[in-house]
């Protein structure tokens, strides 16, 4: 199961903006721009990616995890919990 259509349409412009920011940073590096300006743009990219990640995780819990909980399948429910416990610590590292 993938991302819901509503979230898909919300994420597409965000990802396009991030893609543009990454290209902008590459150009800034080529032009040997001031380091702090480059770092500032990188921080903006990270913040944007973090927001995208939050939306994807929320969608996963609201749809995929909720579906398994409602199914009553204890094995699948535990698998989803284990999956979240593996990915959440990674998503919060800085």
C-alpha atoms as a PDB file:
ATOM      1  CA  UNK A   1       0.000   0.000   0.000  1.00  0.00           C
ATOM      2  CA  UNK A   2       1.300   3.460  -0.878  1.00  0.00           C
ATOM      3  CA  UNK A   3       0.622   7.055   0.002  1.00  0.00           C
ATOM      4  CA  UNK A   4      -2.988   8.217  -0.230  1.00  0.00           C
ATOM      5  CA  UNK A   5      -3.902  10.391  -3.198  1.00  0.00           C
ATOM      6  CA  UNK A   6      -4.579  13.402  -0.973  1.00  0.00           C
ATOM      7  CA  UNK A   7      -1.126  13.249   0.561  1.00  0.00           C
ATOM      8  CA  UNK A   8       0.405  12.497  -2.832  1.00  0.00           C
ATOM      9  CA  UNK A   9      -0.934  15.753  -4.261  1.00  0.00           C
ATOM     10  CA  UNK A  10       0.293  17.686  -1.214  1.00  0.00           C
ATOM     11  CA  UNK A  11       3.773  16.172  -1.369  1.00  0.00           C
ATOM     12  CA  UNK A  12       4.447  16.674  -5.053  1.00  0.00           C
ATOM     13  CA  UNK A  13       4.925  20.483  -4.871  1.00  0.00           C
ATOM     14  CA  UNK A  14       6.978  20.184  -1.681  1.00  0.00           C
ATOM     15  CA  UNK A  15       9.302  17.674  -3.310  1.00  0.00           C
ATOM     16  CA  UNK A  16       9.618  19.849  -6.406  1.00  0.00           C
ATOM     17  CA  UNK A  17      10.588  22.794  -4.182  1.00  0.00           C
ATOM     18  CA  UNK A  18      13.193  20.663  -2.374  1.00  0.00           C
ATOM     19  CA  UNK A  19      14.544  19.445  -5.705  1.00  0.00           C
ATOM     20  CA  UNK A  20      14.958  23.056  -6.800  1.00  0.00           C
ATOM     21  CA  UNK A  21      16.699  23.919  -3.547  1.00  0.00           C
ATOM     22  CA  UNK A  22      19.161  21.044  -4.032  1.00  0.00           C
ATOM     23  CA  UNK A  23      19.949  22.249  -7.538  1.00  0.00           C
ATOM     24  CA  UNK A  24      20.380  25.740  -6.113  1.00  0.00           C
ATOM     25  CA  UNK A  25      22.884  24.484  -3.537  1.00  0.00           C
ATOM     26  CA  UNK A  26      24.848  22.696  -6.258  1.00  0.00           C
ATOM     27  CA  UNK A  27      24.990  25.957  -8.207  1.00  0.00           C
ATOM     28  CA  UNK A  28      26.005  27.895  -5.093  1.00  0.00           C
ATOM     29  CA  UNK A  29      28.895  25.479  -4.550  1.00  0.00           C
ATOM     30  CA  UNK A  30      29.974  25.785  -8.188  1.00  0.00           C
ATOM     31  CA  UNK A  31      29.905  29.563  -7.838  1.00  0.00           C
ATOM     32  CA  UNK A  32      31.901  29.325  -4.586  1.00  0.00           C
ATOM     33  CA  UNK A  33      29.253  31.249  -2.671  1.00  0.00           C
ATOM     34  CA  UNK A  34      29.604  32.130   0.994  1.00  0.00           C
ATOM     35  CA  UNK A  35      29.610  28.972   3.138  1.00  0.00           C
ATOM     36  CA  UNK A  36      26.999  30.174   5.623  1.00  0.00           C
ATOM     37  CA  UNK A  37      24.580  30.908   2.776  1.00  0.00           C
ATOM     38  CA  UNK A  38      25.069  27.358   1.525  1.00  0.00           C
ATOM     39  CA  UNK A  39      24.601  25.880   5.006  1.00  0.00           C
ATOM     40  CA  UNK A  40      21.426  27.936   5.425  1.00  0.00           C
ATOM     41  CA  UNK A  41      20.018  26.463   2.220  1.00  0.00           C
ATOM     42  CA  UNK A  42      20.996  22.948   3.290  1.00  0.00           C
ATOM     43  CA  UNK A  43      19.140  23.483   6.576  1.00  0.00           C
ATOM     44  CA  UNK A  44      16.063  24.581   4.619  1.00  0.00           C
ATOM     45  CA  UNK A  45      16.299  21.403   2.534  1.00  0.00           C
ATOM     46  CA  UNK A  46      16.524  19.269   5.673  1.00  0.00           C
ATOM     47  CA  UNK A  47      13.506  21.030   7.173  1.00  0.00           C
ATOM     48  CA  UNK A  48      11.530  20.455   3.988  1.00  0.00           C
ATOM     49  CA  UNK A  49      12.458  16.787   3.891  1.00  0.00           C
ATOM     50  CA  UNK A  50      11.524  16.448   7.538  1.00  0.00           C
ATOM     51  CA  UNK A  51       8.052  17.827   6.805  1.00  0.00           C
ATOM     52  CA  UNK A  52       7.653  15.393   3.907  1.00  0.00           C
ATOM     53  CA  UNK A  53       8.775  12.552   6.147  1.00  0.00           C
ATOM     54  CA  UNK A  54       6.214  13.569   8.780  1.00  0.00           C
ATOM     55  CA  UNK A  55       3.396  13.515   6.222  1.00  0.00           C
ATOM     56  CA  UNK A  56       4.452  10.087   4.920  1.00  0.00           C
ATOM     57  CA  UNK A  57       4.667   8.655   8.450  1.00  0.00           C
ATOM     58  CA  UNK A  58       1.291  10.140   9.396  1.00  0.00           C
ATOM     59  CA  UNK A  59      -0.232   8.649   6.264  1.00  0.00           C
ATOM     60  CA  UNK A  60       1.305   5.275   7.061  1.00  0.00           C
ATOM     61  CA  UNK A  61      -0.129   5.255  10.572  1.00  0.00           C
ATOM     62  CA  UNK A  62      -3.527   6.573   9.473  1.00  0.00           C
ATOM     63  CA  UNK A  63      -3.932   4.036   6.704  1.00  0.00           C
ATOM     64  CA  UNK A  64      -1.555   1.059   6.787  1.00  0.00           C
ATOM     65  CA  UNK A  65      -1.243   0.669  10.546  1.00  0.00           C
ATOM     66  CA  UNK A  66      -4.907   1.465  11.198  1.00  0.00           C
ATOM     67  CA  UNK A  67      -5.957  -1.117   8.611  1.00  0.00           C
ATOM     68  CA  UNK A  68      -3.891  -3.832  10.315  1.00  0.00           C
ATOM     69  CA  UNK A  69      -5.226  -2.883  13.752  1.00  0.00           C
ATOM     70  CA  UNK A  70      -8.804  -3.099  12.502  1.00  0.00           C
ATOM     71  CA  UNK A  71      -8.130  -6.458  10.827  1.00  0.00           C
ATOM     72  CA  UNK A  72      -7.453  -8.084  14.192  1.00  0.00           C
ATOM     73  CA  UNK A  73      -4.411  -9.917  12.788  1.00  0.00           C
ATOM     74  CA  UNK A  74      -2.082  -9.912  15.796  1.00  0.00           C
ATOM     75  CA  UNK A  75       0.945 -11.093  13.823  1.00  0.00           C
ATOM     76  CA  UNK A  76       0.559  -8.353  11.216  1.00  0.00           C
ATOM     77  CA  UNK A  77      -0.097  -5.760  13.931  1.00  0.00           C
ATOM     78  CA  UNK A  78       3.138  -6.705  15.674  1.00  0.00           C
ATOM     79  CA  UNK A  79       4.995  -6.567  12.354  1.00  0.00           C
ATOM     80  CA  UNK A  80       3.746  -2.989  11.776  1.00  0.00           C
ATOM     81  CA  UNK A  81       4.753  -1.974  15.294  1.00  0.00           C
ATOM     82  CA  UNK A  82       8.209  -3.503  14.815  1.00  0.00           C
ATOM     83  CA  UNK A  83       8.523  -1.744  11.472  1.00  0.00           C
ATOM     84  CA  UNK A  84       7.706   1.635  13.052  1.00  0.00           C
ATOM     85  CA  UNK A  85      10.099   1.024  15.927  1.00  0.00           C
ATOM     86  CA  UNK A  86      12.905   0.370  13.426  1.00  0.00           C
ATOM     87  CA  UNK A  87      12.253   3.450  11.319  1.00  0.00           C
ATOM     88  CA  UNK A  88      11.276   6.082  13.923  1.00  0.00           C
ATOM     89  CA  UNK A  89      14.647   6.316  15.686  1.00  0.00           C
ATOM     90  CA  UNK A  90      16.337   6.742  12.290  1.00  0.00           C
ATOM     91  CA  UNK A  91      13.945   9.494  11.289  1.00  0.00           C
ATOM     92  CA  UNK A  92      14.755  11.591  14.356  1.00  0.00           C
ATOM     93  CA  UNK A  93      18.538  11.511  14.108  1.00  0.00           C
ATOM     94  CA  UNK A  94      20.191  14.796  13.368  1.00  0.00           C
END
